[in-house]
N, C-alpha and C. Protein backbone atom coordinates (compact mmCIF):
# COMPACT_ATOMS: atom_id res chain seq x y z
N MET A 1 66.39 30.41 -72.05
CA MET A 1 65.41 31.12 -71.30
C MET A 1 66.02 31.64 -70.02
N ASN A 2 65.38 32.65 -69.68
CA ASN A 2 65.89 33.34 -68.53
C ASN A 2 65.28 32.71 -67.28
N ASN A 3 66.10 32.28 -66.41
CA ASN A 3 65.66 31.58 -65.22
C ASN A 3 64.89 32.51 -64.28
N PRO A 4 65.31 33.74 -64.03
CA PRO A 4 64.52 34.58 -63.16
C PRO A 4 63.15 34.90 -63.76
N LEU A 5 63.09 34.97 -65.07
CA LEU A 5 61.80 35.23 -65.71
C LEU A 5 60.86 34.04 -65.50
N MET A 6 61.38 32.89 -65.60
CA MET A 6 60.58 31.67 -65.38
C MET A 6 60.09 31.60 -63.93
N VAL A 7 60.93 31.96 -63.02
CA VAL A 7 60.56 31.93 -61.61
C VAL A 7 59.44 32.93 -61.37
N ALA A 8 59.55 34.10 -61.96
CA ALA A 8 58.53 35.12 -61.81
C ALA A 8 57.20 34.64 -62.40
N LEU A 9 57.26 33.97 -63.58
CA LEU A 9 56.03 33.45 -64.18
C LEU A 9 55.40 32.35 -63.32
N VAL A 10 56.18 31.51 -62.76
CA VAL A 10 55.67 30.44 -61.89
C VAL A 10 55.04 31.04 -60.64
N ILE A 11 55.71 32.05 -60.08
CA ILE A 11 55.17 32.69 -58.87
C ILE A 11 53.86 33.40 -59.21
N GLU A 12 53.85 34.10 -60.34
CA GLU A 12 52.62 34.79 -60.75
C GLU A 12 51.51 33.77 -61.03
N SER A 13 51.82 32.66 -61.63
CA SER A 13 50.82 31.62 -61.89
C SER A 13 50.29 31.04 -60.58
N ALA A 14 51.18 30.81 -59.64
CA ALA A 14 50.76 30.28 -58.33
C ALA A 14 49.86 31.27 -57.62
N VAL A 15 50.22 32.56 -57.69
CA VAL A 15 49.41 33.60 -57.05
C VAL A 15 48.05 33.68 -57.73
N ILE A 16 48.02 33.60 -59.06
CA ILE A 16 46.75 33.64 -59.79
C ILE A 16 45.90 32.43 -59.43
N VAL A 17 46.48 31.24 -59.36
CA VAL A 17 45.73 30.03 -58.99
C VAL A 17 45.22 30.18 -57.56
N PHE A 18 46.07 30.69 -56.65
CA PHE A 18 45.65 30.89 -55.27
C PHE A 18 44.50 31.88 -55.20
N MET A 19 44.56 32.95 -55.96
CA MET A 19 43.50 33.96 -55.97
C MET A 19 42.21 33.40 -56.56
N LEU A 20 42.34 32.54 -57.60
CA LEU A 20 41.14 31.92 -58.17
C LEU A 20 40.49 30.96 -57.18
N VAL A 21 41.31 30.18 -56.48
CA VAL A 21 40.77 29.28 -55.45
C VAL A 21 40.10 30.09 -54.35
N LEU A 22 40.78 31.16 -53.91
CA LEU A 22 40.21 32.03 -52.89
C LEU A 22 38.91 32.67 -53.36
N LEU A 23 38.87 33.12 -54.63
CA LEU A 23 37.66 33.71 -55.19
C LEU A 23 36.53 32.68 -55.25
N PHE A 24 36.83 31.47 -55.65
CA PHE A 24 35.84 30.39 -55.70
C PHE A 24 35.29 30.11 -54.29
N TRP A 25 36.19 30.05 -53.31
CA TRP A 25 35.77 29.78 -51.93
C TRP A 25 34.89 30.93 -51.41
N LEU A 26 35.25 32.17 -51.72
CA LEU A 26 34.45 33.32 -51.27
C LEU A 26 33.07 33.33 -51.93
N VAL A 27 33.01 33.01 -53.23
CA VAL A 27 31.72 32.96 -53.92
C VAL A 27 30.85 31.87 -53.31
N ARG A 28 31.46 30.73 -53.05
CA ARG A 28 30.70 29.62 -52.44
C ARG A 28 30.20 29.99 -51.04
N SER A 29 31.03 30.61 -50.24
CA SER A 29 30.64 31.05 -48.89
C SER A 29 29.52 32.09 -48.96
N GLN A 30 29.62 33.00 -49.92
CA GLN A 30 28.59 34.03 -50.08
C GLN A 30 27.26 33.40 -50.46
N LEU A 31 27.27 32.41 -51.35
CA LEU A 31 26.03 31.72 -51.74
C LEU A 31 25.44 30.95 -50.56
N LYS A 32 26.32 30.32 -49.76
CA LYS A 32 25.83 29.59 -48.57
C LYS A 32 25.21 30.58 -47.57
N LEU A 33 25.85 31.72 -47.35
CA LEU A 33 25.30 32.73 -46.45
C LEU A 33 23.97 33.27 -46.95
N LYS A 34 23.85 33.48 -48.25
CA LYS A 34 22.61 33.96 -48.84
C LYS A 34 21.49 32.94 -48.61
N HIS A 35 21.81 31.65 -48.78
CA HIS A 35 20.83 30.58 -48.56
C HIS A 35 20.41 30.54 -47.08
N ASP A 36 21.40 30.63 -46.19
CA ASP A 36 21.08 30.65 -44.75
C ASP A 36 20.24 31.86 -44.39
N TYR A 37 20.54 33.02 -44.98
CA TYR A 37 19.77 34.23 -44.72
C TYR A 37 18.31 34.04 -45.15
N ARG A 38 18.10 33.45 -46.32
CA ARG A 38 16.72 33.21 -46.78
C ARG A 38 15.97 32.28 -45.82
N ASN A 39 16.67 31.22 -45.40
CA ASN A 39 16.02 30.28 -44.46
C ASN A 39 15.67 30.97 -43.15
N LEU A 40 16.60 31.74 -42.60
CA LEU A 40 16.33 32.45 -41.34
C LEU A 40 15.23 33.49 -41.52
N ASN A 41 15.21 34.16 -42.65
CA ASN A 41 14.17 35.15 -42.92
C ASN A 41 12.79 34.47 -42.98
N ASP A 42 12.73 33.30 -43.62
CA ASP A 42 11.47 32.55 -43.66
C ASP A 42 11.03 32.14 -42.25
N ILE A 43 11.99 31.71 -41.44
CA ILE A 43 11.66 31.32 -40.06
C ILE A 43 11.14 32.51 -39.27
N VAL A 44 11.81 33.66 -39.41
CA VAL A 44 11.39 34.86 -38.69
C VAL A 44 9.99 35.29 -39.13
N GLN A 45 9.71 35.23 -40.43
CA GLN A 45 8.37 35.58 -40.92
C GLN A 45 7.33 34.60 -40.38
N GLY A 46 7.71 33.32 -40.33
CA GLY A 46 6.78 32.33 -39.76
C GLY A 46 6.48 32.62 -38.30
N HIS A 47 7.52 32.97 -37.53
CA HIS A 47 7.31 33.32 -36.12
C HIS A 47 6.45 34.57 -35.99
N GLY A 48 6.68 35.53 -36.88
CA GLY A 48 5.85 36.74 -36.86
C GLY A 48 4.39 36.42 -37.12
N ASN A 49 4.14 35.52 -38.07
CA ASN A 49 2.76 35.11 -38.36
C ASN A 49 2.16 34.36 -37.16
N ASP A 50 2.98 33.51 -36.52
CA ASP A 50 2.50 32.79 -35.34
C ASP A 50 2.13 33.75 -34.21
N ILE A 51 2.98 34.75 -34.00
CA ILE A 51 2.71 35.73 -32.94
C ILE A 51 1.44 36.52 -33.25
N ALA A 52 1.26 36.89 -34.50
CA ALA A 52 0.04 37.61 -34.88
C ALA A 52 -1.19 36.74 -34.63
N GLY A 53 -1.09 35.46 -34.96
CA GLY A 53 -2.21 34.54 -34.72
C GLY A 53 -2.49 34.38 -33.24
N LEU A 54 -1.42 34.27 -32.43
CA LEU A 54 -1.61 34.15 -30.99
C LEU A 54 -2.23 35.40 -30.39
N CYS A 55 -1.81 36.56 -30.88
CA CYS A 55 -2.41 37.81 -30.38
C CYS A 55 -3.89 37.88 -30.73
N SER A 56 -4.23 37.47 -31.93
CA SER A 56 -5.63 37.46 -32.34
C SER A 56 -6.44 36.49 -31.48
N ALA A 57 -5.87 35.31 -31.24
CA ALA A 57 -6.57 34.33 -30.39
C ALA A 57 -6.70 34.85 -28.97
N ALA A 58 -5.66 35.53 -28.46
CA ALA A 58 -5.73 36.08 -27.11
C ALA A 58 -6.82 37.13 -27.00
N LEU A 59 -6.98 37.96 -28.02
CA LEU A 59 -8.04 38.96 -28.00
C LEU A 59 -9.42 38.29 -28.01
N THR A 60 -9.56 37.23 -28.79
CA THR A 60 -10.83 36.50 -28.83
C THR A 60 -11.13 35.88 -27.47
N VAL A 61 -10.12 35.26 -26.86
CA VAL A 61 -10.32 34.65 -25.55
C VAL A 61 -10.64 35.72 -24.51
N ASP A 62 -9.95 36.85 -24.59
CA ASP A 62 -10.21 37.94 -23.65
C ASP A 62 -11.65 38.43 -23.78
N THR A 63 -12.14 38.54 -25.01
CA THR A 63 -13.52 38.96 -25.24
C THR A 63 -14.49 37.95 -24.65
N ARG A 64 -14.20 36.68 -24.87
CA ARG A 64 -15.08 35.64 -24.32
C ARG A 64 -15.06 35.64 -22.80
N ILE A 65 -13.88 35.81 -22.20
CA ILE A 65 -13.78 35.84 -20.74
C ILE A 65 -14.56 37.02 -20.20
N ALA A 66 -14.44 38.18 -20.85
CA ALA A 66 -15.18 39.36 -20.40
C ALA A 66 -16.69 39.11 -20.48
N SER A 67 -17.13 38.44 -21.54
CA SER A 67 -18.55 38.13 -21.69
C SER A 67 -19.01 37.17 -20.60
N VAL A 68 -18.23 36.14 -20.35
CA VAL A 68 -18.58 35.17 -19.30
C VAL A 68 -18.56 35.85 -17.94
N ASP A 69 -17.60 36.75 -17.72
CA ASP A 69 -17.52 37.47 -16.46
C ASP A 69 -18.76 38.33 -16.24
N ARG A 70 -19.22 39.01 -17.30
CA ARG A 70 -20.45 39.80 -17.18
C ARG A 70 -21.65 38.90 -16.87
N GLN A 71 -21.74 37.77 -17.57
CA GLN A 71 -22.85 36.85 -17.32
C GLN A 71 -22.79 36.30 -15.90
N LEU A 72 -21.58 36.03 -15.43
CA LEU A 72 -21.42 35.52 -14.07
C LEU A 72 -21.84 36.56 -13.04
N ALA A 73 -21.50 37.82 -13.28
CA ALA A 73 -21.91 38.88 -12.36
C ALA A 73 -23.43 39.02 -12.32
N VAL A 74 -24.07 38.96 -13.50
CA VAL A 74 -25.53 39.05 -13.56
C VAL A 74 -26.15 37.86 -12.82
N THR A 75 -25.59 36.66 -13.05
CA THR A 75 -26.11 35.46 -12.39
C THR A 75 -25.91 35.55 -10.88
N GLU A 76 -24.75 36.06 -10.46
CA GLU A 76 -24.49 36.20 -9.03
C GLU A 76 -25.48 37.16 -8.38
N ASP A 77 -25.76 38.28 -9.06
CA ASP A 77 -26.76 39.22 -8.54
C ASP A 77 -28.14 38.56 -8.44
N TYR A 78 -28.48 37.79 -9.46
CA TYR A 78 -29.77 37.11 -9.46
C TYR A 78 -29.86 36.10 -8.32
N VAL A 79 -28.78 35.34 -8.11
CA VAL A 79 -28.75 34.35 -7.02
C VAL A 79 -28.84 35.06 -5.68
N ASN A 80 -28.15 36.19 -5.53
CA ASN A 80 -28.23 36.93 -4.27
C ASN A 80 -29.64 37.45 -4.02
N GLU A 81 -30.29 37.94 -5.07
CA GLU A 81 -31.68 38.39 -4.92
C GLU A 81 -32.59 37.24 -4.50
N LEU A 82 -32.39 36.08 -5.14
CA LEU A 82 -33.20 34.90 -4.77
C LEU A 82 -32.92 34.47 -3.33
N ALA A 83 -31.67 34.54 -2.90
CA ALA A 83 -31.33 34.16 -1.53
C ALA A 83 -32.00 35.10 -0.53
N VAL A 84 -31.99 36.40 -0.84
CA VAL A 84 -32.65 37.37 0.05
C VAL A 84 -34.14 37.09 0.10
N LYS A 85 -34.75 36.83 -1.06
CA LYS A 85 -36.18 36.53 -1.09
C LYS A 85 -36.50 35.25 -0.32
N LEU A 86 -35.63 34.26 -0.43
CA LEU A 86 -35.84 32.99 0.28
C LEU A 86 -35.76 33.20 1.78
N VAL A 87 -34.77 33.97 2.23
CA VAL A 87 -34.64 34.25 3.67
C VAL A 87 -35.85 35.02 4.16
N GLU A 88 -36.28 36.01 3.37
CA GLU A 88 -37.47 36.78 3.77
C GLU A 88 -38.70 35.89 3.83
N ALA A 89 -38.83 35.00 2.86
CA ALA A 89 -39.99 34.09 2.84
C ALA A 89 -39.96 33.16 4.04
N GLU A 90 -38.76 32.65 4.40
CA GLU A 90 -38.65 31.76 5.56
C GLU A 90 -38.97 32.53 6.84
N GLN A 91 -38.49 33.77 6.93
CA GLN A 91 -38.79 34.57 8.12
C GLN A 91 -40.27 34.87 8.22
N ASN A 92 -40.89 35.19 7.08
CA ASN A 92 -42.33 35.47 7.09
C ASN A 92 -43.11 34.22 7.47
N GLU A 93 -42.67 33.08 6.95
CA GLU A 93 -43.36 31.83 7.24
C GLU A 93 -43.22 31.47 8.72
N GLN A 94 -42.01 31.66 9.27
CA GLN A 94 -41.80 31.32 10.67
C GLN A 94 -42.52 32.29 11.60
N SER A 95 -42.50 33.56 11.26
CA SER A 95 -43.14 34.53 12.14
C SER A 95 -44.67 34.44 12.04
N SER A 96 -45.18 33.97 10.91
CA SER A 96 -46.62 33.87 10.78
C SER A 96 -47.16 32.60 11.43
N HIS A 97 -46.31 31.65 11.69
CA HIS A 97 -46.73 30.39 12.31
C HIS A 97 -46.87 30.62 13.81
N PRO A 98 -48.02 30.27 14.41
CA PRO A 98 -48.24 30.58 15.82
C PRO A 98 -47.31 29.81 16.76
N TYR A 99 -46.80 28.68 16.33
CA TYR A 99 -45.96 27.87 17.20
C TYR A 99 -44.49 27.95 16.82
N SER A 100 -44.08 28.95 16.02
CA SER A 100 -42.70 28.99 15.52
C SER A 100 -41.69 29.10 16.66
N GLY A 101 -41.96 29.92 17.65
CA GLY A 101 -41.04 30.05 18.80
C GLY A 101 -40.98 28.76 19.59
N ASP A 102 -42.11 28.12 19.75
CA ASP A 102 -42.14 26.86 20.50
C ASP A 102 -41.40 25.76 19.74
N ILE A 103 -41.52 25.75 18.43
CA ILE A 103 -40.82 24.74 17.61
C ILE A 103 -39.31 24.93 17.75
N ARG A 104 -38.86 26.20 17.78
CA ARG A 104 -37.42 26.45 17.97
C ARG A 104 -36.97 25.94 19.34
N LYS A 105 -37.80 26.13 20.33
CA LYS A 105 -37.44 25.64 21.66
C LYS A 105 -37.35 24.12 21.68
N VAL A 106 -38.27 23.45 20.97
CA VAL A 106 -38.26 21.99 20.91
C VAL A 106 -36.98 21.51 20.21
N ARG A 107 -36.63 22.19 19.15
CA ARG A 107 -35.41 21.81 18.41
C ARG A 107 -34.15 22.08 19.23
N SER A 108 -34.25 22.99 20.18
CA SER A 108 -33.11 23.27 21.06
C SER A 108 -33.05 22.28 22.22
N GLY A 109 -34.08 21.44 22.34
CA GLY A 109 -34.05 20.40 23.36
C GLY A 109 -34.96 20.66 24.56
N ALA A 110 -35.95 21.52 24.40
CA ALA A 110 -36.87 21.82 25.51
C ALA A 110 -37.73 20.60 25.82
N SER A 111 -38.09 20.46 27.10
CA SER A 111 -38.93 19.33 27.51
C SER A 111 -40.40 19.76 27.55
N VAL A 112 -41.28 18.78 27.81
CA VAL A 112 -42.72 19.06 27.87
C VAL A 112 -43.01 20.06 28.99
N ASN A 113 -42.38 19.86 30.13
CA ASN A 113 -42.62 20.76 31.28
C ASN A 113 -42.16 22.18 30.97
N GLU A 114 -41.00 22.34 30.32
CA GLU A 114 -40.51 23.67 29.99
C GLU A 114 -41.48 24.38 29.04
N LEU A 115 -42.00 23.64 28.05
CA LEU A 115 -42.96 24.23 27.11
C LEU A 115 -44.24 24.64 27.84
N MET A 116 -44.67 23.82 28.75
CA MET A 116 -45.91 24.14 29.47
C MET A 116 -45.71 25.38 30.33
N GLN A 117 -44.57 25.49 30.99
CA GLN A 117 -44.33 26.63 31.88
C GLN A 117 -44.05 27.92 31.11
N ASN A 118 -43.18 27.85 30.10
CA ASN A 118 -42.74 29.07 29.41
C ASN A 118 -43.71 29.55 28.34
N SER A 119 -44.41 28.62 27.66
CA SER A 119 -45.25 29.01 26.54
C SER A 119 -46.73 28.93 26.83
N GLY A 120 -47.09 28.40 27.97
CA GLY A 120 -48.49 28.31 28.32
C GLY A 120 -49.23 27.26 27.51
N LEU A 121 -48.56 26.21 27.07
CA LEU A 121 -49.19 25.14 26.30
C LEU A 121 -49.73 24.08 27.23
N SER A 122 -50.72 23.36 26.75
CA SER A 122 -51.22 22.22 27.53
C SER A 122 -50.23 21.07 27.37
N HIS A 123 -50.38 20.07 28.23
CA HIS A 123 -49.49 18.91 28.19
C HIS A 123 -49.56 18.22 26.82
N ASP A 124 -50.77 18.06 26.29
CA ASP A 124 -50.93 17.38 24.99
C ASP A 124 -50.30 18.18 23.85
N GLU A 125 -50.45 19.52 23.89
CA GLU A 125 -49.85 20.35 22.84
C GLU A 125 -48.32 20.25 22.89
N ALA A 126 -47.77 20.33 24.08
CA ALA A 126 -46.31 20.27 24.22
C ALA A 126 -45.79 18.91 23.77
N ALA A 127 -46.46 17.84 24.14
CA ALA A 127 -46.04 16.49 23.74
C ALA A 127 -46.12 16.31 22.23
N LEU A 128 -47.18 16.86 21.62
CA LEU A 128 -47.33 16.76 20.17
C LEU A 128 -46.22 17.52 19.46
N LEU A 129 -45.90 18.72 19.93
CA LEU A 129 -44.81 19.48 19.32
C LEU A 129 -43.48 18.74 19.43
N ILE A 130 -43.22 18.12 20.54
CA ILE A 130 -41.97 17.37 20.71
C ILE A 130 -41.95 16.16 19.78
N ARG A 131 -43.09 15.48 19.65
CA ARG A 131 -43.14 14.33 18.73
C ARG A 131 -42.95 14.75 17.28
N LEU A 132 -43.52 15.90 16.89
CA LEU A 132 -43.43 16.34 15.51
C LEU A 132 -42.09 16.99 15.16
N HIS A 133 -41.54 17.77 16.09
CA HIS A 133 -40.37 18.58 15.75
C HIS A 133 -39.11 18.26 16.56
N GLY A 134 -39.23 17.36 17.52
CA GLY A 134 -38.06 17.01 18.33
C GLY A 134 -37.15 16.05 17.57
N TYR A 135 -35.93 15.92 18.08
CA TYR A 135 -34.96 15.02 17.45
C TYR A 135 -35.30 13.61 17.84
N LYS A 136 -35.29 12.76 16.84
CA LYS A 136 -35.60 11.36 17.08
C LYS A 136 -34.30 10.64 17.43
N GLU A 137 -34.35 9.76 18.41
CA GLU A 137 -33.17 9.01 18.82
C GLU A 137 -32.89 7.92 17.81
N GLN A 138 -31.62 7.76 17.49
CA GLN A 138 -31.21 6.73 16.54
C GLN A 138 -31.05 5.42 17.31
N SER A 139 -31.62 4.31 16.78
CA SER A 139 -31.46 3.03 17.47
C SER A 139 -30.43 2.18 16.79
């Protein structure tokens, strides 16, 4: 047998074995990459579904907040109207009371003599107003 021919066959066999091993490794790597791609694609689709759900929930919450905000504005207007009516009622009640100015003076600390001089009240009227509307001393 020819020795150079044998060497060439051995080299060709080694190259063929090397190429088969390389081909096997490439096929295996390609299958692993395909598997990883499917997993990542599933994850991305899951995240897309999660984002769509979050957007839907955000729209629902936004609608509810807008509804509550409208109700709050209506309630605030109603409370303001009631406050104005209450102030008007208190003013009407105070102005219609004949002793309203004198009661304010008593609450400010006016004495019996001051009431008698400034408001033209009798001693008994001034004393009664102080007893009813004056500040009581704490013991």
